[in-house]
């Protein structure tokens, strides 16, 4: 699958985050967005988008002009064995009681941690990103509070790490879904690697549209680690397919986007129980009224 990047720089965090948010609305949509400070004392911030099809360069030029950024540099990444490279560079990550690792670190798993084995693949969610860490930590907080959901959905599952965490610690029905069939297949393979193949159903679905998800509702815990814009679109179905008292853990939200996401979900009867920021990303734990 070809991968394209579009990168630019501009002054100031607020303007950079605004451009990152605007980039979400570009067609074709990016599969991921990054907003990072350039650590050279210049005050510059880098904004990048990642695409599986060549992005709209005219649209990018317009966004750059509106936000006072340099023109986007669009590149097609060379075809190479990214899986092998990621495997070499992947280091274990601790998030609450969970320890996310690659198979090559099997012998390093601490005895007091719950291991989540993730093989490098072309799907989002190795545990290294602040959004995945935020979701795992938020889940761990719920467990420490004595909350043990019995019906769990991981919407936009990527590698399936969040569904895997739920299946490892809960005697629950767990369903994982992703809009990308490659991600769903990757999640399925990771479930097998963690001996969870019969515990977690991995589906290809847009939101809650798959019949198996609808039949399994109402859920009492839903993870959705995607991006702010699709999270907002998901709010009505999130209300429809969860029960009273359900917890919803959301991430993929830039810090400056958190309030707007909260407002949308409040309009559908879900209130913030906890928020946590890791770097530039916010994770929200909501409760369904």
C-alpha atoms as a PDB file:
ATOM      1  CA  UNK A   1       0.000   0.000   0.000  1.00  0.00           C
ATOM      2  CA  UNK A   2       1.536   3.381  -0.972  1.00  0.00           C
ATOM      3  CA  UNK A   3       2.037   5.934   1.783  1.00  0.00           C
ATOM      4  CA  UNK A   4       2.269   9.682   1.217  1.00  0.00           C
ATOM      5  CA  UNK A   5       3.359  12.318   3.693  1.00  0.00           C
ATOM      6  CA  UNK A   6       2.562  16.039   3.676  1.00  0.00           C
ATOM      7  CA  UNK A   7       4.715  18.124   6.013  1.00  0.00           C
ATOM      8  CA  UNK A   8       4.950  21.812   6.840  1.00  0.00           C
ATOM      9  CA  UNK A   9       6.132  24.109   9.624  1.00  0.00           C
ATOM     10  CA  UNK A  10       4.796  27.274  11.207  1.00  0.00           C
ATOM     11  CA  UNK A  11       5.273  29.396  14.319  1.00  0.00           C
ATOM     12  CA  UNK A  12       3.345  28.722  17.510  1.00  0.00           C
ATOM     13  CA  UNK A  13       1.600  25.762  19.078  1.00  0.00           C
ATOM     14  CA  UNK A  14      -1.941  27.151  18.847  1.00  0.00           C
ATOM     15  CA  UNK A  15      -1.666  27.858  15.114  1.00  0.00           C
ATOM     16  CA  UNK A  16      -0.053  24.464  14.512  1.00  0.00           C
ATOM     17  CA  UNK A  17      -2.844  22.629  16.338  1.00  0.00           C
ATOM     18  CA  UNK A  18      -5.461  24.630  14.403  1.00  0.00           C
ATOM     19  CA  UNK A  19      -3.820  23.561  11.138  1.00  0.00           C
ATOM     20  CA  UNK A  20      -3.689  19.944  12.326  1.00  0.00           C
ATOM     21  CA  UNK A  21      -7.410  20.067  13.052  1.00  0.00           C
ATOM     22  CA  UNK A  22      -8.160  21.597   9.665  1.00  0.00           C
ATOM     23  CA  UNK A  23      -6.077  18.904   7.988  1.00  0.00           C
ATOM     24  CA  UNK A  24      -8.579  16.302   9.239  1.00  0.00           C
ATOM     25  CA  UNK A  25     -11.197  17.761   6.897  1.00  0.00           C
ATOM     26  CA  UNK A  26      -9.111  17.371   3.772  1.00  0.00           C
ATOM     27  CA  UNK A  27     -10.345  14.923   1.117  1.00  0.00           C
ATOM     28  CA  UNK A  28      -9.013  12.265   0.832  1.00  0.00           C
ATOM     29  CA  UNK A  29      -8.783  12.167   4.625  1.00  0.00           C
ATOM     30  CA  UNK A  30      -5.393  11.507   6.213  1.00  0.00           C
ATOM     31  CA  UNK A  31      -4.953   8.230   8.042  1.00  0.00           C
ATOM     32  CA  UNK A  32      -2.986  10.023  10.742  1.00  0.00           C
ATOM     33  CA  UNK A  33      -1.922  13.515  11.789  1.00  0.00           C
ATOM     34  CA  UNK A  34       1.057  14.658  13.841  1.00  0.00           C
ATOM     35  CA  UNK A  35       1.750  18.051  15.439  1.00  0.00           C
ATOM     36  CA  UNK A  36       5.203  18.331  16.984  1.00  0.00           C
ATOM     37  CA  UNK A  37       7.442  21.097  18.282  1.00  0.00           C
ATOM     38  CA  UNK A  38      10.755  21.369  16.454  1.00  0.00           C
ATOM     39  CA  UNK A  39      13.208  21.050  19.320  1.00  0.00           C
ATOM     40  CA  UNK A  40      15.816  23.523  18.134  1.00  0.00           C
ATOM     41  CA  UNK A  41      14.708  26.631  20.017  1.00  0.00           C
ATOM     42  CA  UNK A  42      13.221  28.199  16.871  1.00  0.00           C
ATOM     43  CA  UNK A  43       9.617  28.166  18.098  1.00  0.00           C
ATOM     44  CA  UNK A  44       8.610  26.276  14.967  1.00  0.00           C
ATOM     45  CA  UNK A  45       6.063  23.458  14.980  1.00  0.00           C
ATOM     46  CA  UNK A  46       5.800  20.698  12.382  1.00  0.00           C
ATOM     47  CA  UNK A  47       2.408  19.560  11.118  1.00  0.00           C
ATOM     48  CA  UNK A  48       2.204  16.353   9.132  1.00  0.00           C
ATOM     49  CA  UNK A  49      -0.453  14.221   7.503  1.00  0.00           C
ATOM     50  CA  UNK A  50      -0.174  10.596   6.352  1.00  0.00           C
ATOM     51  CA  UNK A  51      -2.218   9.353   3.404  1.00  0.00           C
ATOM     52  CA  UNK A  52      -2.803   6.098   1.522  1.00  0.00           C
ATOM     53  CA  UNK A  53      -3.596   8.041  -1.663  1.00  0.00           C
ATOM     54  CA  UNK A  54      -1.922  11.147  -3.059  1.00  0.00           C
ATOM     55  CA  UNK A  55      -3.337  14.107  -1.094  1.00  0.00           C
ATOM     56  CA  UNK A  56      -5.071  17.108  -2.613  1.00  0.00           C
ATOM     57  CA  UNK A  57      -2.099  19.395  -3.125  1.00  0.00           C
ATOM     58  CA  UNK A  58      -4.276  22.388  -4.034  1.00  0.00           C
ATOM     59  CA  UNK A  59      -6.191  21.894  -0.810  1.00  0.00           C
ATOM     60  CA  UNK A  60      -2.939  21.630   1.123  1.00  0.00           C
ATOM     61  CA  UNK A  61      -1.663  24.842  -0.432  1.00  0.00           C
ATOM     62  CA  UNK A  62      -4.862  26.636   0.565  1.00  0.00           C
ATOM     63  CA  UNK A  63      -4.634  25.357   4.155  1.00  0.00           C
ATOM     64  CA  UNK A  64      -0.999  26.455   4.404  1.00  0.00           C
ATOM     65  CA  UNK A  65      -1.852  29.943   3.135  1.00  0.00           C
ATOM     66  CA  UNK A  66      -4.828  30.336   5.482  1.00  0.00           C
ATOM     67  CA  UNK A  67      -2.816  29.274   8.536  1.00  0.00           C
ATOM     68  CA  UNK A  68       0.390  31.128   7.685  1.00  0.00           C
ATOM     69  CA  UNK A  69       2.442  27.969   7.221  1.00  0.00           C
ATOM     70  CA  UNK A  70       5.130  27.147   4.730  1.00  0.00           C
ATOM     71  CA  UNK A  71       3.924  25.194   1.672  1.00  0.00           C
ATOM     72  CA  UNK A  72       3.408  21.506   2.391  1.00  0.00           C
ATOM     73  CA  UNK A  73       6.126  19.181   1.111  1.00  0.00           C
ATOM     74  CA  UNK A  74       4.405  16.081  -0.281  1.00  0.00           C
ATOM     75  CA  UNK A  75       6.424  12.874  -0.578  1.00  0.00           C
ATOM     76  CA  UNK A  76       5.728   9.263  -1.426  1.00  0.00           C
ATOM     77  CA  UNK A  77       7.512   6.977   0.988  1.00  0.00           C
ATOM     78  CA  UNK A  78       9.808   4.479  -0.614  1.00  0.00           C
ATOM     79  CA  UNK A  79       8.692   0.876  -0.674  1.00  0.00           C
ATOM     80  CA  UNK A  80      10.641  -0.946   2.031  1.00  0.00           C
ATOM     81  CA  UNK A  81      10.156  -3.503   4.738  1.00  0.00           C
ATOM     82  CA  UNK A  82       8.613  -1.155   7.282  1.00  0.00           C
ATOM     83  CA  UNK A  83       7.467  -4.071   9.426  1.00  0.00           C
ATOM     84  CA  UNK A  84      11.051  -5.264   9.857  1.00  0.00           C
ATOM     85  CA  UNK A  85      12.244  -1.754  10.627  1.00  0.00           C
ATOM     86  CA  UNK A  86       9.507  -1.133  13.199  1.00  0.00           C
ATOM     87  CA  UNK A  87      10.239  -4.511  14.803  1.00  0.00           C
ATOM     88  CA  UNK A  88      13.891  -3.510  15.237  1.00  0.00           C
ATOM     89  CA  UNK A  89      12.967  -0.153  16.763  1.00  0.00           C
ATOM     90  CA  UNK A  90       9.993  -1.277  18.878  1.00  0.00           C
ATOM     91  CA  UNK A  91      10.698  -1.072  22.591  1.00  0.00           C
ATOM     92  CA  UNK A  92       8.330  -2.199  25.359  1.00  0.00           C
ATOM     93  CA  UNK A  93       5.867   0.350  26.773  1.00  0.00           C
ATOM     94  CA  UNK A  94       4.326   0.313  30.254  1.00  0.00           C
ATOM     95  CA  UNK A  95       0.811   1.746  30.706  1.00  0.00           C
ATOM     96  CA  UNK A  96      -0.696   1.097  34.111  1.00  0.00           C
ATOM     97  CA  UNK A  97      -0.663  -2.655  34.712  1.00  0.00           C
ATOM     98  CA  UNK A  98      -0.130  -3.349  31.011  1.00  0.00           C
ATOM     99  CA  UNK A  99       3.171  -3.985  29.226  1.00  0.00           C
ATOM    100  CA  UNK A 100       3.037  -3.696  25.442  1.00  0.00           C
ATOM    101  CA  UNK A 101       5.876  -5.456  23.641  1.00  0.00           C
ATOM    102  CA  UNK A 102       7.015  -7.124  20.440  1.00  0.00           C
ATOM    103  CA  UNK A 103       7.673 -10.836  20.183  1.00  0.00           C
ATOM    104  CA  UNK A 104      11.418 -10.233  20.236  1.00  0.00           C
ATOM    105  CA  UNK A 105      11.045  -8.951  23.845  1.00  0.00           C
ATOM    106  CA  UNK A 106       9.075 -11.952  25.120  1.00  0.00           C
ATOM    107  CA  UNK A 107      11.764 -12.861  27.649  1.00  0.00           C
ATOM    108  CA  UNK A 108      11.702  -9.358  29.169  1.00  0.00           C
ATOM    109  CA  UNK A 109       8.044  -9.421  30.262  1.00  0.00           C
ATOM    110  CA  UNK A 110       7.926  -8.453  33.980  1.00  0.00           C
ATOM    111  CA  UNK A 111       6.161 -10.966  36.201  1.00  0.00           C
ATOM    112  CA  UNK A 112       3.952  -8.246  37.724  1.00  0.00           C
ATOM    113  CA  UNK A 113       2.644  -6.883  34.419  1.00  0.00           C
ATOM    114  CA  UNK A 114      -0.021  -8.037  31.965  1.00  0.00           C
ATOM    115  CA  UNK A 115       1.702  -8.612  28.649  1.00  0.00           C
ATOM    116  CA  UNK A 116       0.140  -7.443  25.388  1.00  0.00           C
ATOM    117  CA  UNK A 117       2.137  -8.838  22.505  1.00  0.00           C
ATOM    118  CA  UNK A 118       1.889  -6.701  19.364  1.00  0.00           C
ATOM    119  CA  UNK A 119       3.634  -7.749  16.192  1.00  0.00           C
ATOM    120  CA  UNK A 120       4.784  -4.912  13.947  1.00  0.00           C
ATOM    121  CA  UNK A 121       2.324  -4.424  11.107  1.00  0.00           C
ATOM    122  CA  UNK A 122       0.739  -1.775   8.904  1.00  0.00           C
ATOM    123  CA  UNK A 123      -1.908  -0.850  11.471  1.00  0.00           C
ATOM    124  CA  UNK A 124      -2.089   1.824  14.134  1.00  0.00           C
ATOM    125  CA  UNK A 125      -1.660   1.033  17.820  1.00  0.00           C
ATOM    126  CA  UNK A 126       1.672  -0.355  19.007  1.00  0.00           C
ATOM    127  CA  UNK A 127       1.251   1.245  22.428  1.00  0.00           C
ATOM    128  CA  UNK A 128       3.952   3.844  21.807  1.00  0.00           C
ATOM    129  CA  UNK A 129       1.591   6.603  20.791  1.00  0.00           C
ATOM    130  CA  UNK A 130       0.247   8.849  23.562  1.00  0.00           C
ATOM    131  CA  UNK A 131      -3.325   8.053  22.549  1.00  0.00           C
ATOM    132  CA  UNK A 132      -2.913   4.280  23.010  1.00  0.00           C
ATOM    133  CA  UNK A 133      -1.063   4.769  26.285  1.00  0.00           C
ATOM    134  CA  UNK A 134      -3.799   7.131  27.423  1.00  0.00           C
ATOM    135  CA  UNK A 135      -6.537   4.588  26.675  1.00  0.00           C
ATOM    136  CA  UNK A 136      -4.723   1.765  28.456  1.00  0.00           C
ATOM    137  CA  UNK A 137      -4.063   3.957  31.484  1.00  0.00           C
ATOM    138  CA  UNK A 138      -7.713   5.115  31.568  1.00  0.00           C
ATOM    139  CA  UNK A 139      -8.843   1.481  31.424  1.00  0.00           C
ATOM    140  CA  UNK A 140      -6.488   0.595  34.265  1.00  0.00           C
ATOM    141  CA  UNK A 141      -8.024   3.375  36.390  1.00  0.00           C
ATOM    142  CA  UNK A 142     -11.507   1.902  35.837  1.00  0.00           C
ATOM    143  CA  UNK A 143     -10.258  -1.508  36.915  1.00  0.00           C
ATOM    144  CA  UNK A 144      -8.692  -0.061  40.058  1.00  0.00           C
ATOM    145  CA  UNK A 145     -12.048   1.537  40.856  1.00  0.00           C
ATOM    146  CA  UNK A 146     -13.597  -1.921  40.822  1.00  0.00           C
ATOM    147  CA  UNK A 147     -15.439  -1.544  37.512  1.00  0.00           C
ATOM    148  CA  UNK A 148     -15.474  -4.768  35.489  1.00  0.00           C
ATOM    149  CA  UNK A 149     -17.448  -4.353  32.245  1.00  0.00           C
ATOM    150  CA  UNK A 150     -18.998  -7.458  30.704  1.00  0.00           C
ATOM    151  CA  UNK A 151     -19.581  -6.267  27.128  1.00  0.00           C
ATOM    152  CA  UNK A 152     -16.756  -4.377  25.395  1.00  0.00           C
ATOM    153  CA  UNK A 153     -16.264  -2.850  21.938  1.00  0.00           C
ATOM    154  CA  UNK A 154     -13.047  -1.438  20.470  1.00  0.00           C
ATOM    155  CA  UNK A 155     -14.069   0.825  17.573  1.00  0.00           C
ATOM    156  CA  UNK A 156     -11.221   1.697  15.203  1.00  0.00           C
ATOM    157  CA  UNK A 157      -9.120  -1.023  16.790  1.00  0.00           C
ATOM    158  CA  UNK A 158      -5.923  -0.780  14.714  1.00  0.00           C
ATOM    159  CA  UNK A 159      -3.712  -3.594  15.978  1.00  0.00           C
ATOM    160  CA  UNK A 160      -6.370  -4.547  18.524  1.00  0.00           C
ATOM    161  CA  UNK A 161      -4.310  -3.687  21.601  1.00  0.00           C
ATOM    162  CA  UNK A 162      -7.231  -2.183  23.560  1.00  0.00           C
ATOM    163  CA  UNK A 163      -9.567  -5.098  22.860  1.00  0.00           C
ATOM    164  CA  UNK A 164      -6.720  -7.405  23.808  1.00  0.00           C
ATOM    165  CA  UNK A 165      -6.237  -5.621  27.137  1.00  0.00           C
ATOM    166  CA  UNK A 166      -9.943  -6.012  27.925  1.00  0.00           C
ATOM    167  CA  UNK A 167      -9.954  -9.704  27.015  1.00  0.00           C
ATOM    168  CA  UNK A 168      -6.851 -10.344  29.131  1.00  0.00           C
ATOM    169  CA  UNK A 169      -8.385  -9.063  32.369  1.00  0.00           C
ATOM    170  CA  UNK A 170     -12.165  -9.404  31.966  1.00  0.00           C
ATOM    171  CA  UNK A 171     -14.452 -12.431  31.510  1.00  0.00           C
ATOM    172  CA  UNK A 172     -16.265 -10.264  28.980  1.00  0.00           C
ATOM    173  CA  UNK A 173     -17.670 -10.394  25.484  1.00  0.00           C
ATOM    174  CA  UNK A 174     -15.165  -8.377  23.428  1.00  0.00           C
ATOM    175  CA  UNK A 175     -15.573  -7.166  19.839  1.00  0.00           C
ATOM    176  CA  UNK A 176     -12.923  -5.242  17.875  1.00  0.00           C
ATOM    177  CA  UNK A 177     -13.615  -3.464  14.592  1.00  0.00           C
ATOM    178  CA  UNK A 178     -11.839  -1.233  12.129  1.00  0.00           C
ATOM    179  CA  UNK A 179     -12.798   0.453   8.882  1.00  0.00           C
ATOM    180  CA  UNK A 180      -9.559  -0.887   7.329  1.00  0.00           C
ATOM    181  CA  UNK A 181      -9.626  -4.624   6.533  1.00  0.00           C
ATOM    182  CA  UNK A 182      -5.827  -4.746   6.913  1.00  0.00           C
ATOM    183  CA  UNK A 183      -6.170  -3.451  10.467  1.00  0.00           C
ATOM    184  CA  UNK A 184      -8.918  -5.976  11.237  1.00  0.00           C
ATOM    185  CA  UNK A 185      -6.705  -8.783   9.897  1.00  0.00           C
ATOM    186  CA  UNK A 186      -3.749  -7.479  11.928  1.00  0.00           C
ATOM    187  CA  UNK A 187      -5.881  -7.406  15.065  1.00  0.00           C
ATOM    188  CA  UNK A 188      -7.029 -10.969  14.380  1.00  0.00           C
ATOM    189  CA  UNK A 189      -3.402 -12.114  14.055  1.00  0.00           C
ATOM    190  CA  UNK A 190      -2.453 -10.368  17.283  1.00  0.00           C
ATOM    191  CA  UNK A 191      -5.327 -12.064  19.102  1.00  0.00           C
ATOM    192  CA  UNK A 192      -3.954 -15.414  17.941  1.00  0.00           C
ATOM    193  CA  UNK A 193      -0.449 -14.455  19.112  1.00  0.00           C
ATOM    194  CA  UNK A 194      -1.906 -13.731  22.564  1.00  0.00           C
ATOM    195  CA  UNK A 195      -4.062 -16.907  22.617  1.00  0.00           C
ATOM    196  CA  UNK A 196      -7.199 -14.776  22.492  1.00  0.00           C
ATOM    197  CA  UNK A 197      -8.425 -15.904  19.088  1.00  0.00           C
ATOM    198  CA  UNK A 198     -11.647 -17.405  20.443  1.00  0.00           C
ATOM    199  CA  UNK A 199     -12.251 -14.535  22.881  1.00  0.00           C
ATOM    200  CA  UNK A 200     -12.268 -11.526  20.573  1.00  0.00           C
ATOM    201  CA  UNK A 201     -14.196 -11.124  17.329  1.00  0.00           C
ATOM    202  CA  UNK A 202     -12.345  -8.867  14.880  1.00  0.00           C
ATOM    203  CA  UNK A 203     -14.583  -7.235  12.271  1.00  0.00           C
ATOM    204  CA  UNK A 204     -14.302  -4.811   9.375  1.00  0.00           C
ATOM    205  CA  UNK A 205     -16.846  -2.090  10.041  1.00  0.00           C
ATOM    206  CA  UNK A 206     -17.514   1.630   9.803  1.00  0.00           C
ATOM    207  CA  UNK A 207     -18.403   2.590  13.361  1.00  0.00           C
ATOM    208  CA  UNK A 208     -21.200   0.385  14.695  1.00  0.00           C
ATOM    209  CA  UNK A 209     -22.597  -0.569  11.287  1.00  0.00           C
ATOM    210  CA  UNK A 210     -21.609  -4.243  11.331  1.00  0.00           C
ATOM    211  CA  UNK A 211     -24.607  -6.432  12.296  1.00  0.00           C
ATOM    212  CA  UNK A 212     -22.518  -8.315  14.879  1.00  0.00           C
ATOM    213  CA  UNK A 213     -21.789  -5.074  16.721  1.00  0.00           C
ATOM    214  CA  UNK A 214     -25.441  -4.074  16.726  1.00  0.00           C
ATOM    215  CA  UNK A 215     -26.537  -7.488  17.937  1.00  0.00           C
ATOM    216  CA  UNK A 216     -23.989  -7.372  20.764  1.00  0.00           C
ATOM    217  CA  UNK A 217     -25.194  -3.988  22.057  1.00  0.00           C
ATOM    218  CA  UNK A 218     -25.678  -2.417  24.507  1.00  0.00           C
ATOM    219  CA  UNK A 219     -22.011  -2.193  25.496  1.00  0.00           C
ATOM    220  CA  UNK A 220     -20.880  -1.151  28.960  1.00  0.00           C
ATOM    221  CA  UNK A 221     -17.372  -0.198  27.803  1.00  0.00           C
ATOM    222  CA  UNK A 222     -16.366   1.228  24.431  1.00  0.00           C
ATOM    223  CA  UNK A 223     -12.899   2.274  23.310  1.00  0.00           C
ATOM    224  CA  UNK A 224     -12.632   4.598  20.306  1.00  0.00           C
ATOM    225  CA  UNK A 225      -9.107   5.783  19.541  1.00  0.00           C
ATOM    226  CA  UNK A 226      -9.472   7.493  16.179  1.00  0.00           C
ATOM    227  CA  UNK A 227      -9.546  11.267  15.426  1.00  0.00           C
ATOM    228  CA  UNK A 228     -11.671  14.127  16.746  1.00  0.00           C
ATOM    229  CA  UNK A 229     -13.805  14.591  13.643  1.00  0.00           C
ATOM    230  CA  UNK A 230     -14.927  10.945  13.245  1.00  0.00           C
ATOM    231  CA  UNK A 231     -15.373  10.743  17.027  1.00  0.00           C
ATOM    232  CA  UNK A 232     -17.896  13.575  16.835  1.00  0.00           C
ATOM    233  CA  UNK A 233     -19.746  11.804  14.019  1.00  0.00           C
ATOM    234  CA  UNK A 234     -19.796   8.656  16.140  1.00  0.00           C
ATOM    235  CA  UNK A 235     -21.501  10.295  19.144  1.00  0.00           C
ATOM    236  CA  UNK A 236     -25.145   9.497  18.220  1.00  0.00           C
ATOM    237  CA  UNK A 237     -24.359   5.811  17.690  1.00  0.00           C
ATOM    238  CA  UNK A 238     -22.246   5.774  20.839  1.00  0.00           C
ATOM    239  CA  UNK A 239     -25.337   6.870  22.771  1.00  0.00           C
ATOM    240  CA  UNK A 240     -27.530   4.371  20.922  1.00  0.00           C
ATOM    241  CA  UNK A 241     -25.337   1.303  21.450  1.00  0.00           C
ATOM    242  CA  UNK A 242     -24.277   1.815  25.083  1.00  0.00           C
ATOM    243  CA  UNK A 243     -26.336   1.398  28.228  1.00  0.00           C
ATOM    244  CA  UNK A 244     -26.803   3.695  31.226  1.00  0.00           C
ATOM    245  CA  UNK A 245     -23.642   3.851  33.315  1.00  0.00           C
ATOM    246  CA  UNK A 246     -21.433   2.656  30.446  1.00  0.00           C
ATOM    247  CA  UNK A 247     -17.906   4.029  30.214  1.00  0.00           C
ATOM    248  CA  UNK A 248     -16.587   5.385  26.920  1.00  0.00           C
ATOM    249  CA  UNK A 249     -12.832   5.915  26.516  1.00  0.00           C
ATOM    250  CA  UNK A 250     -12.003   8.256  23.635  1.00  0.00           C
ATOM    251  CA  UNK A 251      -8.657   9.340  22.235  1.00  0.00           C
ATOM    252  CA  UNK A 252      -6.976  10.520  19.060  1.00  0.00           C
ATOM    253  CA  UNK A 253      -7.917  14.019  20.263  1.00  0.00           C
ATOM    254  CA  UNK A 254      -5.497  16.929  20.180  1.00  0.00           C
ATOM    255  CA  UNK A 255      -5.499  18.800  23.481  1.00  0.00           C
ATOM    256  CA  UNK A 256      -7.160  21.839  21.960  1.00  0.00           C
ATOM    257  CA  UNK A 257      -9.929  19.687  20.456  1.00  0.00           C
ATOM    258  CA  UNK A 258     -10.943  18.063  23.742  1.00  0.00           C
ATOM    259  CA  UNK A 259     -13.546  20.634  24.792  1.00  0.00           C
ATOM    260  CA  UNK A 260     -15.364  20.492  21.469  1.00  0.00           C
ATOM    261  CA  UNK A 261     -15.484  16.669  21.596  1.00  0.00           C
ATOM    262  CA  UNK A 262     -16.767  16.833  25.172  1.00  0.00           C
ATOM    263  CA  UNK A 263     -19.500  19.265  24.131  1.00  0.00           C
ATOM    264  CA  UNK A 264     -20.738  16.999  21.346  1.00  0.00           C
ATOM    265  CA  UNK A 265     -20.876  13.972  23.626  1.00  0.00           C
ATOM    266  CA  UNK A 266     -22.573  15.974  26.383  1.00  0.00           C
ATOM    267  CA  UNK A 267     -25.335  16.709  23.894  1.00  0.00           C
ATOM    268  CA  UNK A 268     -25.905  12.956  23.599  1.00  0.00           C
ATOM    269  CA  UNK A 269     -26.025  12.281  27.326  1.00  0.00           C
ATOM    270  CA  UNK A 270     -22.386  11.467  28.083  1.00  0.00           C
ATOM    271  CA  UNK A 271     -20.404  13.422  30.654  1.00  0.00           C
ATOM    272  CA  UNK A 272     -16.672  13.605  31.350  1.00  0.00           C
ATOM    273  CA  UNK A 273     -15.513  11.520  34.273  1.00  0.00           C
ATOM    274  CA  UNK A 274     -11.793  11.971  33.676  1.00  0.00           C
ATOM    275  CA  UNK A 275      -9.421  13.564  31.202  1.00  0.00           C
ATOM    276  CA  UNK A 276      -5.697  12.951  30.809  1.00  0.00           C
ATOM    277  CA  UNK A 277      -3.150  14.496  28.475  1.00  0.00           C
ATOM    278  CA  UNK A 278       0.013  12.776  27.304  1.00  0.00           C
ATOM    279  CA  UNK A 279       2.071  15.149  25.201  1.00  0.00           C
ATOM    280  CA  UNK A 280      -0.204  16.773  22.630  1.00  0.00           C
ATOM    281  CA  UNK A 281      -3.021  14.209  22.984  1.00  0.00           C
ATOM    282  CA  UNK A 282      -5.997  14.015  25.337  1.00  0.00           C
ATOM    283  CA  UNK A 283      -7.813  10.864  26.435  1.00  0.00           C
ATOM    284  CA  UNK A 284     -11.366  11.243  27.765  1.00  0.00           C
ATOM    285  CA  UNK A 285     -13.269   8.841  29.995  1.00  0.00           C
ATOM    286  CA  UNK A 286     -16.998   9.511  29.725  1.00  0.00           C
ATOM    287  CA  UNK A 287     -19.967   8.017  31.531  1.00  0.00           C
ATOM    288  CA  UNK A 288     -23.295   7.432  29.792  1.00  0.00           C
ATOM    289  CA  UNK A 289     -26.126   8.981  31.795  1.00  0.00           C
END
